[in-house]
Protein backbone atom coordinates (compact mmCIF):
# COMPACT_ATOMS: atom_id res chain seq x y z
CA MET A 1 -1.87 12.26 -10.03
CA ASP A 2 -3.32 15.13 -8.10
CA ALA A 3 -7.05 15.72 -7.60
CA ASN A 4 -7.29 18.76 -9.99
CA LYS A 5 -5.96 16.69 -12.85
CA GLN A 6 -8.37 13.87 -12.11
CA ILE A 7 -11.25 16.49 -11.98
CA ASP A 8 -10.20 17.74 -15.42
CA GLN A 9 -10.15 14.20 -16.72
CA MET A 10 -13.57 13.54 -15.29
CA ASN A 11 -14.94 16.68 -17.00
CA GLU A 12 -13.50 15.57 -20.37
CA VAL A 13 -14.93 12.04 -20.07
CA ILE A 14 -18.41 13.19 -18.92
CA ALA A 15 -18.54 15.51 -21.97
CA LYS A 16 -18.05 12.48 -24.21
CA LYS A 17 -21.17 10.79 -22.63
CA PRO A 18 -19.59 7.30 -21.93
CA GLY A 19 -21.55 4.21 -21.05
CA ALA A 20 -19.86 4.38 -17.62
CA ILE A 21 -16.95 5.70 -15.67
CA ILE A 22 -14.63 3.53 -13.61
CA LEU A 23 -12.88 5.69 -10.99
CA LEU A 24 -10.13 5.27 -8.50
CA PRO A 25 -10.51 8.59 -6.69
CA VAL A 26 -7.31 10.29 -5.70
CA GLU A 27 -9.10 12.36 -3.12
CA ALA A 28 -12.60 11.56 -1.79
CA ASN A 29 -13.78 15.00 -1.10
CA ALA A 30 -12.37 16.64 -4.20
CA LEU A 31 -14.11 14.18 -6.60
CA LYS A 32 -17.44 14.40 -5.07
CA PRO A 33 -18.69 17.25 -7.31
CA SER A 34 -17.39 15.45 -10.38
CA VAL A 35 -19.26 12.24 -9.53
CA GLU A 36 -22.40 14.27 -8.92
CA LYS A 37 -21.91 15.94 -12.31
CA ALA A 38 -21.67 12.49 -13.88
CA ASN A 39 -24.79 11.48 -12.00
CA GLU A 40 -26.66 14.47 -13.46
CA ALA A 41 -25.49 13.54 -17.00
CA GLY A 42 -26.86 10.04 -16.43
CA VAL A 43 -23.36 8.45 -16.54
CA PRO A 44 -22.97 5.58 -14.06
CA VAL A 45 -19.84 5.80 -11.90
CA ILE A 46 -18.13 2.64 -10.50
CA ILE A 47 -15.63 3.43 -7.66
CA THR A 48 -12.73 1.04 -7.09
CA ASN A 49 -10.73 0.60 -3.92
CA ARG A 50 -11.34 3.93 -2.23
CA ASP A 51 -14.41 5.46 -0.70
CA LEU A 52 -16.05 8.70 -1.96
CA THR A 53 -17.87 11.12 0.21
CA GLY A 54 -20.91 11.66 -2.03
CA GLY A 55 -22.57 11.03 -5.27
CA LYS A 56 -24.32 7.87 -6.49
CA THR A 57 -21.84 5.19 -7.26
CA ALA A 58 -21.41 1.43 -7.50
CA GLN A 59 -18.35 0.32 -5.56
CA VAL A 60 -15.83 -2.48 -5.91
CA HIS A 61 -13.41 -2.75 -2.99
CA SER A 62 -10.88 -5.27 -1.75
CA ASP A 63 -10.89 -6.16 1.85
CA GLU A 64 -8.01 -3.91 3.04
CA GLU A 65 -7.91 -5.22 6.57
CA GLN A 66 -7.68 -8.86 5.33
CA ALA A 67 -4.69 -7.84 3.07
CA GLY A 68 -2.99 -6.44 6.16
CA ARG A 69 -3.96 -9.46 8.25
CA MET A 70 -2.61 -11.90 5.56
CA GLN A 71 0.64 -9.81 5.46
CA GLY A 72 0.88 -9.88 9.27
CA GLU A 73 0.30 -13.66 9.48
CA TYR A 74 3.05 -14.28 6.95
CA MET A 75 5.54 -12.06 8.79
CA ALA A 76 4.63 -13.46 12.15
CA LYS A 77 5.35 -16.95 10.92
CA HIS A 78 8.69 -16.04 9.26
CA LEU A 79 10.27 -13.47 11.46
CA PRO A 80 12.90 -14.72 13.89
CA GLN A 81 12.41 -14.44 17.69
CA GLY A 82 13.11 -10.81 18.90
CA ALA A 83 12.81 -9.40 15.37
CA LYS A 84 13.03 -5.66 14.81
CA ILE A 85 10.83 -4.27 12.00
CA VAL A 86 9.77 -1.05 10.26
CA TYR A 87 6.40 -0.30 8.70
CA PHE A 88 5.48 1.88 5.66
CA LEU A 89 1.85 3.00 6.05
CA GLY A 90 1.07 4.53 2.60
CA ASP A 91 -1.19 7.61 2.64
CA SER A 92 -2.43 7.88 6.21
CA THR A 93 -5.46 9.92 5.07
CA GLN A 94 -6.79 6.98 3.19
CA ALA A 95 -8.87 4.24 4.80
CA SER A 96 -7.04 1.65 2.86
CA ALA A 97 -3.74 2.55 4.51
CA GLN A 98 -5.32 2.50 7.98
CA LEU A 99 -7.14 -0.73 7.46
CA ARG A 100 -4.07 -2.54 6.16
CA TRP A 101 -2.16 -1.35 9.21
CA GLN A 102 -4.83 -2.53 11.58
CA GLY A 103 -4.87 -5.93 9.98
CA PHE A 104 -1.10 -6.18 10.02
CA LYS A 105 -0.89 -5.04 13.66
CA ALA A 106 -3.62 -7.51 14.84
CA ALA A 107 -2.04 -10.48 13.03
CA CYS A 108 1.67 -9.78 13.82
CA LEU A 109 2.51 -7.32 16.54
CA ASP A 110 -0.42 -8.18 18.72
CA LYS A 111 0.37 -11.89 18.45
CA ARG A 112 4.15 -11.67 18.57
CA PRO A 113 5.02 -9.30 21.51
CA ASP A 114 8.70 -10.18 20.87
CA VAL A 115 8.65 -8.32 17.56
CA GLU A 116 9.60 -4.78 18.01
CA LEU A 117 8.38 -1.96 15.68
CA LEU A 118 11.25 0.40 15.36
CA ALA A 119 9.65 2.98 13.14
CA MET A 120 6.60 3.68 11.08
CA THR A 121 5.95 6.37 8.47
CA ASP A 122 3.48 7.63 5.93
CA ALA A 123 5.47 7.18 2.71
CA GLY A 124 2.49 8.13 0.43
CA TRP A 125 2.56 4.79 -1.49
CA SER A 126 5.78 6.01 -3.08
CA HIS A 127 8.90 4.02 -3.89
CA THR A 128 10.99 7.21 -3.64
CA GLU A 129 9.71 8.17 -0.23
CA ALA A 130 10.20 4.69 1.10
CA LEU A 131 13.69 4.55 -0.33
CA LYS A 132 14.53 7.87 1.34
CA ASP A 133 12.99 6.85 4.79
CA MET A 134 14.67 3.41 4.69
CA THR A 135 18.01 4.94 3.92
CA LEU A 136 17.72 7.04 7.06
CA TRP A 137 16.41 4.11 9.16
CA LEU A 138 19.34 1.98 8.19
CA LYS A 139 21.68 4.61 9.61
CA LEU A 140 19.62 4.82 12.80
CA PHE A 141 19.03 1.20 13.41
CA PRO A 142 21.79 -1.49 13.37
CA GLN A 143 19.31 -4.25 13.26
CA ILE A 144 16.29 -4.45 10.96
CA ASP A 145 14.92 -7.98 10.36
CA GLY A 146 11.74 -7.09 8.54
CA VAL A 147 9.87 -4.44 6.47
CA ALA A 148 6.17 -4.37 6.16
CA SER A 149 4.61 -2.10 3.67
CA GLY A 150 1.05 -1.12 2.72
CA ASN A 151 1.96 -1.49 -0.99
CA ASP A 152 4.56 -3.08 -3.21
CA ASP A 153 6.21 0.20 -4.34
CA MET A 154 7.19 1.14 -0.89
CA ALA A 155 8.39 -2.43 -0.21
CA LEU A 156 10.57 -2.21 -3.30
CA GLY A 157 11.94 1.19 -2.29
CA ALA A 158 12.89 -0.31 1.06
CA LEU A 159 14.56 -3.25 -0.71
CA ASP A 160 16.52 -0.96 -2.99
CA ALA A 161 17.80 1.01 0.08
CA MET A 162 18.82 -2.13 1.92
CA LYS A 163 20.62 -3.48 -1.19
CA ALA A 164 22.42 -0.04 -1.72
CA ALA A 165 23.54 -0.12 2.00
CA GLY A 166 24.73 -3.76 1.78
CA ARG A 167 22.13 -4.66 4.52
CA PHE A 168 19.87 -7.09 2.57
CA ASP A 169 20.19 -10.86 2.80
CA SER A 170 17.92 -13.79 2.62
CA HIS A 171 17.05 -13.54 6.37
CA VAL A 172 15.32 -10.13 6.00
CA VAL A 173 11.57 -10.45 5.49
CA ILE A 174 10.05 -7.83 3.28
CA CYS A 175 6.32 -7.70 2.66
CA GLY A 176 4.20 -5.59 0.36
CA VAL A 177 0.54 -5.70 -0.80
CA ASP A 178 -0.79 -5.78 -4.38
CA ALA A 179 1.45 -8.45 -6.17
CA GLY A 180 2.37 -6.01 -8.97
CA ASP A 181 4.68 -7.16 -11.74
CA ALA A 182 7.83 -5.56 -10.28
CA ALA A 183 7.20 -7.18 -6.82
CA LEU A 184 6.59 -10.51 -8.35
CA LYS A 185 9.79 -10.31 -10.31
CA ALA A 186 11.68 -9.27 -7.12
CA VAL A 187 10.46 -12.35 -5.18
CA ARG A 188 10.51 -14.88 -8.05
CA PRO A 189 14.14 -16.19 -7.51
CA SER A 190 13.50 -17.07 -3.80
CA TRP A 191 10.02 -18.25 -4.45
CA THR A 192 11.07 -20.51 -7.26
CA SER A 193 13.98 -22.01 -5.25
CA SER A 194 11.63 -22.66 -2.22
CA ARG A 195 9.30 -24.68 -4.48
CA ARG A 196 11.98 -27.15 -5.70
């Protein structure tokens, strides 16, 4: 969704005078006037997961750096010695992407100097973009032992590219963030077998 569409949605909702608006802002600066308009109309606004540059809001956020740190700790524990990895950042203009990266770097790359980061890109939280980038990286790099991703959609895009290229096996560590339904379904076979 782009910011203009979200602004239109905000205008429609404000006109209906709801008890409150829960908003995941697409773009912090662009949504500021809409939030201020809701404030003037007496409609409380609750922001989830992303910061906003103005207006009066209540905010509910996850700890993005902790998410990256947990991901990094998992990968540091499961990557082989001398592993080569790639990283999908998400949308680099968003604090959530930067904080997840910082947490990951501190917990994995800073603690495992043997792990080599081959490439990193802003894939915009997109499965399609990650699939495209991963397809290119598979041609450039003969060894990729791990994929870290700022969200599940990009991780699944990387997984699809590896499967299409015949380069995925049980030794490749792929990590995302969010635990969405599609990601849980993708890991369930190995997770189930490891619990037996």
